[in-house]
Amino acid sequence: MFRTSITMPIDLAEYAQRRAGGNLSGYLADLVADQRRREAVWARLAEHGYVGDLAPTEAGRAEIRARLQQHAARKARRGDGTGQQAA
């Protein structure tokens, strides 16, 4: 296990402490691990040609998130879990 000390603005430290629920080091480790996973995914996409105009963007991710949320809302309204209507 690696131990270190960090310095950050008080408001960020207080926010992180509240979000951490008592385990600040675990919370920060999860944030770093999430970023590392994202970078690995972006690298894999680049390996397969998703670069330049095809590269993932924040706007594109936001659009897909919105579509998924709309789909989940429609599915919840139908109540059958399939998203399909009876004939």
PDB file of N, CA and C in Angstrom:
ATOM      1  N   MET A   1       0.855  -1.177   0.000  1.00  0.00           N
ATOM      2  CA  MET A   1       0.000   0.000   0.000  1.00  0.00           C
ATOM      3  C   MET A   1       0.895   1.232   0.000  1.00  0.00           C
ATOM      4  N   PHE A   2       0.520   2.181  -0.828  1.00  0.00           N
ATOM      5  CA  PHE A   2       1.248   3.435  -0.962  1.00  0.00           C
ATOM      6  C   PHE A   2       0.570   4.482  -0.104  1.00  0.00           C
ATOM      7  N   ARG A   3       1.342   5.203   0.673  1.00  0.00           N
ATOM      8  CA  ARG A   3       0.795   6.279   1.500  1.00  0.00           C
ATOM      9  C   ARG A   3       1.359   7.592   1.015  1.00  0.00           C
ATOM     10  N   THR A   4       0.479   8.602   0.989  1.00  0.00           N
ATOM     11  CA  THR A   4       0.921   9.920   0.561  1.00  0.00           C
ATOM     12  C   THR A   4       0.067  10.970   1.260  1.00  0.00           C
ATOM     13  N   SER A   5       0.448  12.191   1.094  1.00  0.00           N
ATOM     14  CA  SER A   5      -0.308  13.313   1.624  1.00  0.00           C
ATOM     15  C   SER A   5      -0.665  14.208   0.447  1.00  0.00           C
ATOM     16  N   ILE A   6      -1.873  14.748   0.451  1.00  0.00           N
ATOM     17  CA  ILE A   6      -2.275  15.632  -0.632  1.00  0.00           C
ATOM     18  C   ILE A   6      -2.735  16.966  -0.066  1.00  0.00           C
ATOM     19  N   THR A   7      -2.652  17.981  -0.900  1.00  0.00           N
ATOM     20  CA  THR A   7      -3.118  19.309  -0.544  1.00  0.00           C
ATOM     21  C   THR A   7      -4.159  19.717  -1.567  1.00  0.00           C
ATOM     22  N   MET A   8      -5.299  20.213  -1.081  1.00  0.00           N
ATOM     23  CA  MET A   8      -6.345  20.686  -1.977  1.00  0.00           C
ATOM     24  C   MET A   8      -7.104  21.804  -1.284  1.00  0.00           C
ATOM     25  N   PRO A   9      -7.835  22.594  -2.065  1.00  0.00           N
ATOM     26  CA  PRO A   9      -8.624  23.662  -1.457  1.00  0.00           C
ATOM     27  C   PRO A   9      -9.610  23.094  -0.423  1.00  0.00           C
ATOM     28  N   ILE A  10      -9.862  23.860   0.608  1.00  0.00           N
ATOM     29  CA  ILE A  10     -10.706  23.410   1.713  1.00  0.00           C
ATOM     30  C   ILE A  10     -12.090  23.002   1.229  1.00  0.00           C
ATOM     31  N   ASP A  11     -12.696  23.777   0.318  1.00  0.00           N
ATOM     32  CA  ASP A  11     -14.056  23.440  -0.122  1.00  0.00           C
ATOM     33  C   ASP A  11     -14.089  22.091  -0.845  1.00  0.00           C
ATOM     34  N   LEU A  12     -13.041  21.791  -1.627  1.00  0.00           N
ATOM     35  CA  LEU A  12     -12.985  20.489  -2.296  1.00  0.00           C
ATOM     36  C   LEU A  12     -12.756  19.365  -1.302  1.00  0.00           C
ATOM     37  N   ALA A  13     -11.909  19.600  -0.329  1.00  0.00           N
ATOM     38  CA  ALA A  13     -11.647  18.584   0.689  1.00  0.00           C
ATOM     39  C   ALA A  13     -12.908  18.286   1.497  1.00  0.00           C
ATOM     40  N   GLU A  14     -13.653  19.327   1.849  1.00  0.00           N
ATOM     41  CA  GLU A  14     -14.899  19.125   2.603  1.00  0.00           C
ATOM     42  C   GLU A  14     -15.929  18.375   1.773  1.00  0.00           C
ATOM     43  N   TYR A  15     -16.042  18.735   0.493  1.00  0.00           N
ATOM     44  CA  TYR A  15     -16.965  18.049  -0.406  1.00  0.00           C
ATOM     45  C   TYR A  15     -16.598  16.566  -0.517  1.00  0.00           C
ATOM     46  N   ALA A  16     -15.308  16.293  -0.762  1.00  0.00           N
ATOM     47  CA  ALA A  16     -14.856  14.904  -0.898  1.00  0.00           C
ATOM     48  C   ALA A  16     -15.115  14.128   0.381  1.00  0.00           C
ATOM     49  N   GLN A  17     -14.878  14.737   1.521  1.00  0.00           N
ATOM     50  CA  GLN A  17     -15.100  14.067   2.807  1.00  0.00           C
ATOM     51  C   GLN A  17     -16.573  13.712   2.981  1.00  0.00           C
ATOM     52  N   ARG A  18     -17.463  14.631   2.608  1.00  0.00           N
ATOM     53  CA  ARG A  18     -18.909  14.339   2.703  1.00  0.00           C
ATOM     54  C   ARG A  18     -19.285  13.197   1.778  1.00  0.00           C
ATOM     55  N   ARG A  19     -18.791  13.235   0.534  1.00  0.00           N
ATOM     56  CA  ARG A  19     -19.121  12.190  -0.445  1.00  0.00           C
ATOM     57  C   ARG A  19     -18.532  10.841  -0.054  1.00  0.00           C
ATOM     58  N   ALA A  20     -17.401  10.869   0.644  1.00  0.00           N
ATOM     59  CA  ALA A  20     -16.684   9.641   0.966  1.00  0.00           C
ATOM     60  C   ALA A  20     -17.380   8.800   2.022  1.00  0.00           C
ATOM     61  N   GLY A  21     -18.226   9.415   2.816  1.00  0.00           N
ATOM     62  CA  GLY A  21     -18.900   8.655   3.862  1.00  0.00           C
ATOM     63  C   GLY A  21     -17.932   8.041   4.861  1.00  0.00           C
ATOM     64  N   GLY A  22     -16.848   8.736   5.150  1.00  0.00           N
ATOM     65  CA  GLY A  22     -15.912   8.253   6.157  1.00  0.00           C
ATOM     66  C   GLY A  22     -14.698   7.528   5.593  1.00  0.00           C
ATOM     67  N   ASN A  23     -14.669   7.264   4.285  1.00  0.00           N
ATOM     68  CA  ASN A  23     -13.524   6.569   3.697  1.00  0.00           C
ATOM     69  C   ASN A  23     -12.968   7.405   2.547  1.00  0.00           C
ATOM     70  N   LEU A  24     -12.294   8.482   2.888  1.00  0.00           N
ATOM     71  CA  LEU A  24     -11.785   9.411   1.882  1.00  0.00           C
ATOM     72  C   LEU A  24     -10.777   8.749   0.952  1.00  0.00           C
ATOM     73  N   SER A  25      -9.873   7.951   1.493  1.00  0.00           N
ATOM     74  CA  SER A  25      -8.874   7.320   0.627  1.00  0.00           C
ATOM     75  C   SER A  25      -9.543   6.345  -0.344  1.00  0.00           C
ATOM     76  N   GLY A  26     -10.546   5.617   0.093  1.00  0.00           N
ATOM     77  CA  GLY A  26     -11.274   4.714  -0.795  1.00  0.00           C
ATOM     78  C   GLY A  26     -12.016   5.479  -1.875  1.00  0.00           C
ATOM     79  N   TYR A  27     -12.615   6.590  -1.497  1.00  0.00           N
ATOM     80  CA  TYR A  27     -13.337   7.434  -2.451  1.00  0.00           C
ATOM     81  C   TYR A  27     -12.391   7.953  -3.531  1.00  0.00           C
ATOM     82  N   LEU A  28     -11.242   8.480  -3.120  1.00  0.00           N
ATOM     83  CA  LEU A  28     -10.269   8.999  -4.083  1.00  0.00           C
ATOM     84  C   LEU A  28      -9.702   7.877  -4.953  1.00  0.00           C
ATOM     85  N   ALA A  29      -9.464   6.711  -4.360  1.00  0.00           N
ATOM     86  CA  ALA A  29      -8.965   5.572  -5.137  1.00  0.00           C
ATOM     87  C   ALA A  29      -9.980   5.169  -6.203  1.00  0.00           C
ATOM     88  N   ASP A  30     -11.274   5.184  -5.865  1.00  0.00           N
ATOM     89  CA  ASP A  30     -12.314   4.853  -6.842  1.00  0.00           C
ATOM     90  C   ASP A  30     -12.342   5.864  -7.981  1.00  0.00           C
ATOM     91  N   LEU A  31     -12.170   7.144  -7.664  1.00  0.00           N
ATOM     92  CA  LEU A  31     -12.138   8.165  -8.714  1.00  0.00           C
ATOM     93  C   LEU A  31     -10.975   7.937  -9.679  1.00  0.00           C
ATOM     94  N   VAL A  32      -9.810   7.635  -9.142  1.00  0.00           N
ATOM     95  CA  VAL A  32      -8.640   7.395  -9.983  1.00  0.00           C
ATOM     96  C   VAL A  32      -8.837   6.127 -10.812  1.00  0.00           C
ATOM     97  N   ALA A  33      -9.376   5.075 -10.209  1.00  0.00           N
ATOM     98  CA  ALA A  33      -9.614   3.827 -10.934  1.00  0.00           C
ATOM     99  C   ALA A  33     -10.623   4.037 -12.064  1.00  0.00           C
ATOM    100  N   ASP A  34     -11.671   4.825 -11.813  1.00  0.00           N
ATOM    101  CA  ASP A  34     -12.657   5.124 -12.860  1.00  0.00           C
ATOM    102  C   ASP A  34     -12.010   5.858 -14.024  1.00  0.00           C
ATOM    103  N   GLN A  35     -11.163   6.828 -13.734  1.00  0.00           N
ATOM    104  CA  GLN A  35     -10.483   7.574 -14.790  1.00  0.00           C
ATOM    105  C   GLN A  35      -9.557   6.653 -15.585  1.00  0.00           C
ATOM    106  N   ARG A  36      -8.870   5.768 -14.892  1.00  0.00           N
ATOM    107  CA  ARG A  36      -7.976   4.831 -15.577  1.00  0.00           C
ATOM    108  C   ARG A  36      -8.771   3.914 -16.509  1.00  0.00           C
ATOM    109  N   ARG A  37      -9.952   3.440 -16.069  1.00  0.00           N
ATOM    110  CA  ARG A  37     -10.794   2.604 -16.929  1.00  0.00           C
ATOM    111  C   ARG A  37     -11.258   3.378 -18.160  1.00  0.00           C
ATOM    112  N   ARG A  38     -11.663   4.640 -17.974  1.00  0.00           N
ATOM    113  CA  ARG A  38     -12.079   5.461 -19.115  1.00  0.00           C
ATOM    114  C   ARG A  38     -10.948   5.617 -20.120  1.00  0.00           C
ATOM    115  N   GLU A  39      -9.755   5.904 -19.626  1.00  0.00           N
ATOM    116  CA  GLU A  39      -8.611   6.063 -20.521  1.00  0.00           C
ATOM    117  C   GLU A  39      -8.324   4.766 -21.281  1.00  0.00           C
ATOM    118  N   ALA A  40      -8.487   3.625 -20.637  1.00  0.00           N
ATOM    119  CA  ALA A  40      -8.267   2.340 -21.302  1.00  0.00           C
ATOM    120  C   ALA A  40      -9.303   2.128 -22.409  1.00  0.00           C
ATOM    121  N   VAL A  41     -10.548   2.499 -22.136  1.00  0.00           N
ATOM    122  CA  VAL A  41     -11.595   2.372 -23.155  1.00  0.00           C
ATOM    123  C   VAL A  41     -11.298   3.291 -24.325  1.00  0.00           C
ATOM    124  N   TRP A  42     -10.912   4.538 -24.049  1.00  0.00           N
ATOM    125  CA  TRP A  42     -10.606   5.482 -25.122  1.00  0.00           C
ATOM    126  C   TRP A  42      -9.440   4.964 -25.966  1.00  0.00           C
ATOM    127  N   ALA A  43      -8.429   4.368 -25.305  1.00  0.00           N
ATOM    128  CA  ALA A  43      -7.285   3.821 -26.035  1.00  0.00           C
ATOM    129  C   ALA A  43      -7.732   2.670 -26.932  1.00  0.00           C
ATOM    130  N   ARG A  44      -8.608   1.799 -26.431  1.00  0.00           N
ATOM    131  CA  ARG A  44      -9.114   0.687 -27.249  1.00  0.00           C
ATOM    132  C   ARG A  44      -9.915   1.201 -28.436  1.00  0.00           C
ATOM    133  N   LEU A  45     -10.742   2.210 -28.216  1.00  0.00           N
ATOM    134  CA  LEU A  45     -11.501   2.788 -29.324  1.00  0.00           C
ATOM    135  C   LEU A  45     -10.558   3.368 -30.376  1.00  0.00           C
ATOM    136  N   ALA A  46      -9.507   4.047 -29.936  1.00  0.00           N
ATOM    137  CA  ALA A  46      -8.536   4.618 -30.874  1.00  0.00           C
ATOM    138  C   ALA A  46      -7.837   3.515 -31.666  1.00  0.00           C
ATOM    139  N   GLU A  47      -7.532   2.387 -31.004  1.00  0.00           N
ATOM    140  CA  GLU A  47      -6.902   1.256 -31.691  1.00  0.00           C
ATOM    141  C   GLU A  47      -7.775   0.738 -32.830  1.00  0.00           C
ATOM    142  N   HIS A  48      -9.072   0.883 -32.679  1.00  0.00           N
ATOM    143  CA  HIS A  48     -10.020   0.372 -33.674  1.00  0.00           C
ATOM    144  C   HIS A  48     -10.519   1.457 -34.624  1.00  0.00           C
ATOM    145  N   GLY A  49      -9.808   2.587 -34.655  1.00  0.00           N
ATOM    146  CA  GLY A  49     -10.105   3.608 -35.648  1.00  0.00           C
ATOM    147  C   GLY A  49     -11.021   4.727 -35.210  1.00  0.00           C
ATOM    148  N   TYR A  50     -11.439   4.734 -33.966  1.00  0.00           N
ATOM    149  CA  TYR A  50     -12.318   5.803 -33.490  1.00  0.00           C
ATOM    150  C   TYR A  50     -11.469   6.989 -33.039  1.00  0.00           C
ATOM    151  N   VAL A  51     -10.975   7.727 -34.021  1.00  0.00           N
ATOM    152  CA  VAL A  51     -10.123   8.891 -33.770  1.00  0.00           C
ATOM    153  C   VAL A  51     -10.675  10.060 -34.567  1.00  0.00           C
ATOM    154  N   GLY A  52     -10.151  11.243 -34.329  1.00  0.00           N
ATOM    155  CA  GLY A  52     -10.606  12.421 -35.072  1.00  0.00           C
ATOM    156  C   GLY A  52     -12.089  12.660 -34.864  1.00  0.00           C
ATOM    157  N   ASP A  53     -12.845  12.757 -35.965  1.00  0.00           N
ATOM    158  CA  ASP A  53     -14.282  13.013 -35.880  1.00  0.00           C
ATOM    159  C   ASP A  53     -15.046  11.851 -35.250  1.00  0.00           C
ATOM    160  N   LEU A  54     -14.474  10.656 -35.264  1.00  0.00           N
ATOM    161  CA  LEU A  54     -15.144   9.488 -34.695  1.00  0.00           C
ATOM    162  C   LEU A  54     -14.841   9.279 -33.210  1.00  0.00           C
ATOM    163  N   ALA A  55     -13.894  10.045 -32.685  1.00  0.00           N
ATOM    164  CA  ALA A  55     -13.507   9.889 -31.286  1.00  0.00           C
ATOM    165  C   ALA A  55     -14.673  10.264 -30.378  1.00  0.00           C
ATOM    166  N   PRO A  56     -14.817   9.561 -29.249  1.00  0.00           N
ATOM    167  CA  PRO A  56     -15.879   9.913 -28.310  1.00  0.00           C
ATOM    168  C   PRO A  56     -15.670  11.324 -27.749  1.00  0.00           C
ATOM    169  N   THR A  57     -16.757  12.046 -27.589  1.00  0.00           N
ATOM    170  CA  THR A  57     -16.704  13.396 -27.015  1.00  0.00           C
ATOM    171  C   THR A  57     -17.669  13.471 -25.850  1.00  0.00           C
ATOM    172  N   GLU A  58     -17.505  14.482 -25.027  1.00  0.00           N
ATOM    173  CA  GLU A  58     -18.447  14.681 -23.917  1.00  0.00           C
ATOM    174  C   GLU A  58     -19.861  14.901 -24.449  1.00  0.00           C
ATOM    175  N   ALA A  59     -19.985  15.673 -25.525  1.00  0.00           N
ATOM    176  CA  ALA A  59     -21.310  15.931 -26.108  1.00  0.00           C
ATOM    177  C   ALA A  59     -21.940  14.630 -26.598  1.00  0.00           C
ATOM    178  N   GLY A  60     -21.149  13.797 -27.248  1.00  0.00           N
ATOM    179  CA  GLY A  60     -21.673  12.516 -27.737  1.00  0.00           C
ATOM    180  C   GLY A  60     -22.081  11.607 -26.602  1.00  0.00           C
ATOM    181  N   ARG A  61     -21.273  11.547 -25.550  1.00  0.00           N
ATOM    182  CA  ARG A  61     -21.624  10.717 -24.389  1.00  0.00           C
ATOM    183  C   ARG A  61     -22.891  11.235 -23.723  1.00  0.00           C
ATOM    184  N   ALA A  62     -23.032  12.559 -23.635  1.00  0.00           N
ATOM    185  CA  ALA A  62     -24.243  13.139 -23.036  1.00  0.00           C
ATOM    186  C   ALA A  62     -25.476  12.785 -23.868  1.00  0.00           C
ATOM    187  N   GLU A  63     -25.339  12.821 -25.195  1.00  0.00           N
ATOM    188  CA  GLU A  63     -26.465  12.472 -26.064  1.00  0.00           C
ATOM    189  C   GLU A  63     -26.875  11.017 -25.875  1.00  0.00           C
ATOM    190  N   ILE A  64     -25.910  10.122 -25.815  1.00  0.00           N
ATOM    191  CA  ILE A  64     -26.224   8.705 -25.623  1.00  0.00           C
ATOM    192  C   ILE A  64     -26.833   8.473 -24.242  1.00  0.00           C
ATOM    193  N   ARG A  65     -26.301   9.134 -23.208  1.00  0.00           N
ATOM    194  CA  ARG A  65     -26.893   9.008 -21.873  1.00  0.00           C
ATOM    195  C   ARG A  65     -28.350   9.433 -21.887  1.00  0.00           C
ATOM    196  N   ALA A  66     -28.654  10.541 -22.569  1.00  0.00           N
ATOM    197  CA  ALA A  66     -30.038  11.033 -22.647  1.00  0.00           C
ATOM    198  C   ALA A  66     -30.924  10.022 -23.367  1.00  0.00           C
ATOM    199  N   ARG A  67     -30.421   9.436 -24.448  1.00  0.00           N
ATOM    200  CA  ARG A  67     -31.203   8.424 -25.161  1.00  0.00           C
ATOM    201  C   ARG A  67     -31.484   7.212 -24.276  1.00  0.00           C
ATOM    202  N   LEU A  68     -30.475   6.774 -23.537  1.00  0.00           N
ATOM    203  CA  LEU A  68     -30.662   5.627 -22.653  1.00  0.00           C
ATOM    204  C   LEU A  68     -31.662   5.939 -21.550  1.00  0.00           C
ATOM    205  N   GLN A  69     -31.613   7.153 -21.013  1.00  0.00           N
ATOM    206  CA  GLN A  69     -32.567   7.546 -19.979  1.00  0.00           C
ATOM    207  C   GLN A  69     -33.989   7.604 -20.531  1.00  0.00           C
ATOM    208  N   GLN A  70     -34.138   8.105 -21.764  1.00  0.00           N
ATOM    209  CA  GLN A  70     -35.462   8.139 -22.392  1.00  0.00           C
ATOM    210  C   GLN A  70     -35.987   6.725 -22.596  1.00  0.00           C
ATOM    211  N   HIS A  71     -35.133   5.836 -23.035  1.00  0.00           N
ATOM    212  CA  HIS A  71     -35.536   4.442 -23.242  1.00  0.00           C
ATOM    213  C   HIS A  71     -35.958   3.814 -21.916  1.00  0.00           C
ATOM    214  N   ALA A  72     -35.177   4.038 -20.863  1.00  0.00           N
ATOM    215  CA  ALA A  72     -35.514   3.484 -19.556  1.00  0.00           C
ATOM    216  C   ALA A  72     -36.843   4.041 -19.059  1.00  0.00           C
ATOM    217  N   ALA A  73     -37.106   5.319 -19.304  1.00  0.00           N
ATOM    218  CA  ALA A  73     -38.377   5.923 -18.883  1.00  0.00           C
ATOM    219  C   ALA A  73     -39.546   5.308 -19.645  1.00  0.00           C
ATOM    220  N   ARG A  74     -39.385   5.107 -20.958  1.00  0.00           N
ATOM    221  CA  ARG A  74     -40.454   4.462 -21.743  1.00  0.00           C
ATOM    222  C   ARG A  74     -40.702   3.046 -21.257  1.00  0.00           C
ATOM    223  N   LYS A  75     -39.634   2.330 -20.980  1.00  0.00           N
ATOM    224  CA  LYS A  75     -39.746   0.957 -20.509  1.00  0.00           C
ATOM    225  C   LYS A  75     -40.474   0.917 -19.162  1.00  0.00           C
ATOM    226  N   ALA A  76     -40.156   1.857 -18.288  1.00  0.00           N
ATOM    227  CA  ALA A  76     -40.799   1.914 -16.971  1.00  0.00           C
ATOM    228  C   ALA A  76     -42.284   2.229 -17.101  1.00  0.00           C
ATOM    229  N   ARG A  77     -42.645   3.104 -18.048  1.00  0.00           N
ATOM    230  CA  ARG A  77     -44.061   3.442 -18.242  1.00  0.00           C
ATOM    231  C   ARG A  77     -44.849   2.235 -18.751  1.00  0.00           C
ATOM    232  N   ARG A  78     -44.229   1.431 -19.612  1.00  0.00           N
ATOM    233  CA  ARG A  78     -44.915   0.253 -20.143  1.00  0.00           C
ATOM    234  C   ARG A  78     -45.022  -0.839 -19.091  1.00  0.00           C
ATOM    235  N   GLY A  79     -44.039  -0.909 -18.224  1.00  0.00           N
ATOM    236  CA  GLY A  79     -44.101  -1.831 -17.112  1.00  0.00           C
ATOM    237  C   GLY A  79     -43.790  -3.287 -17.407  1.00  0.00           C
ATOM    238  N   ASP A  80     -43.559  -3.645 -18.685  1.00  0.00           N
ATOM    239  CA  ASP A  80     -43.299  -5.051 -18.974  1.00  0.00           C
ATOM    240  C   ASP A  80     -41.813  -5.373 -19.074  1.00  0.00           C
ATOM    241  N   GLY A  81     -40.981  -4.353 -19.062  1.00  0.00           N
ATOM    242  CA  GLY A  81     -39.549  -4.564 -19.119  1.00  0.00           C
ATOM    243  C   GLY A  81     -39.004  -4.804 -20.506  1.00  0.00           C
ATOM    244  N   THR A  82     -39.854  -5.043 -21.507  1.00  0.00           N
ATOM    245  CA  THR A  82     -39.356  -5.328 -22.853  1.00  0.00           C
ATOM    246  C   THR A  82     -39.336  -4.089 -23.712  1.00  0.00           C
ATOM    247  N   GLY A  83     -40.152  -3.089 -23.371  1.00  0.00           N
ATOM    248  CA  GLY A  83     -40.236  -1.900 -24.199  1.00  0.00           C
ATOM    249  C   GLY A  83     -41.098  -2.102 -25.429  1.00  0.00           C
ATOM    250  N   GLN A  84     -41.774  -3.271 -25.530  1.00  0.00           N
ATOM    251  CA  GLN A  84     -42.600  -3.567 -26.689  1.00  0.00           C
ATOM    252  C   GLN A  84     -44.073  -3.578 -26.285  1.00  0.00           C
ATOM    253  N   GLN A  85     -44.918  -3.201 -27.230  1.00  0.00           N
ATOM    254  CA  GLN A  85     -46.348  -3.209 -26.973  1.00  0.00           C
ATOM    255  C   GLN A  85     -46.971  -4.490 -27.538  1.00  0.00           C
ATOM    256  N   ALA A  86     -48.045  -4.934 -26.913  1.00  0.00           N
ATOM    257  CA  ALA A  86     -48.755  -6.118 -27.400  1.00  0.00           C
ATOM    258  C   ALA A  86     -49.435  -5.809 -28.728  1.00  0.00           C
ATOM    259  N   ALA A  87     -49.557  -6.825 -29.585  1.00  0.00           N
ATOM    260  CA  ALA A  87     -50.169  -6.647 -30.910  1.00  0.00           C
ATOM    261  C   ALA A  87     -51.658  -6.488 -30.809  1.00  0.00           C
TER     262      ALA A  87
END
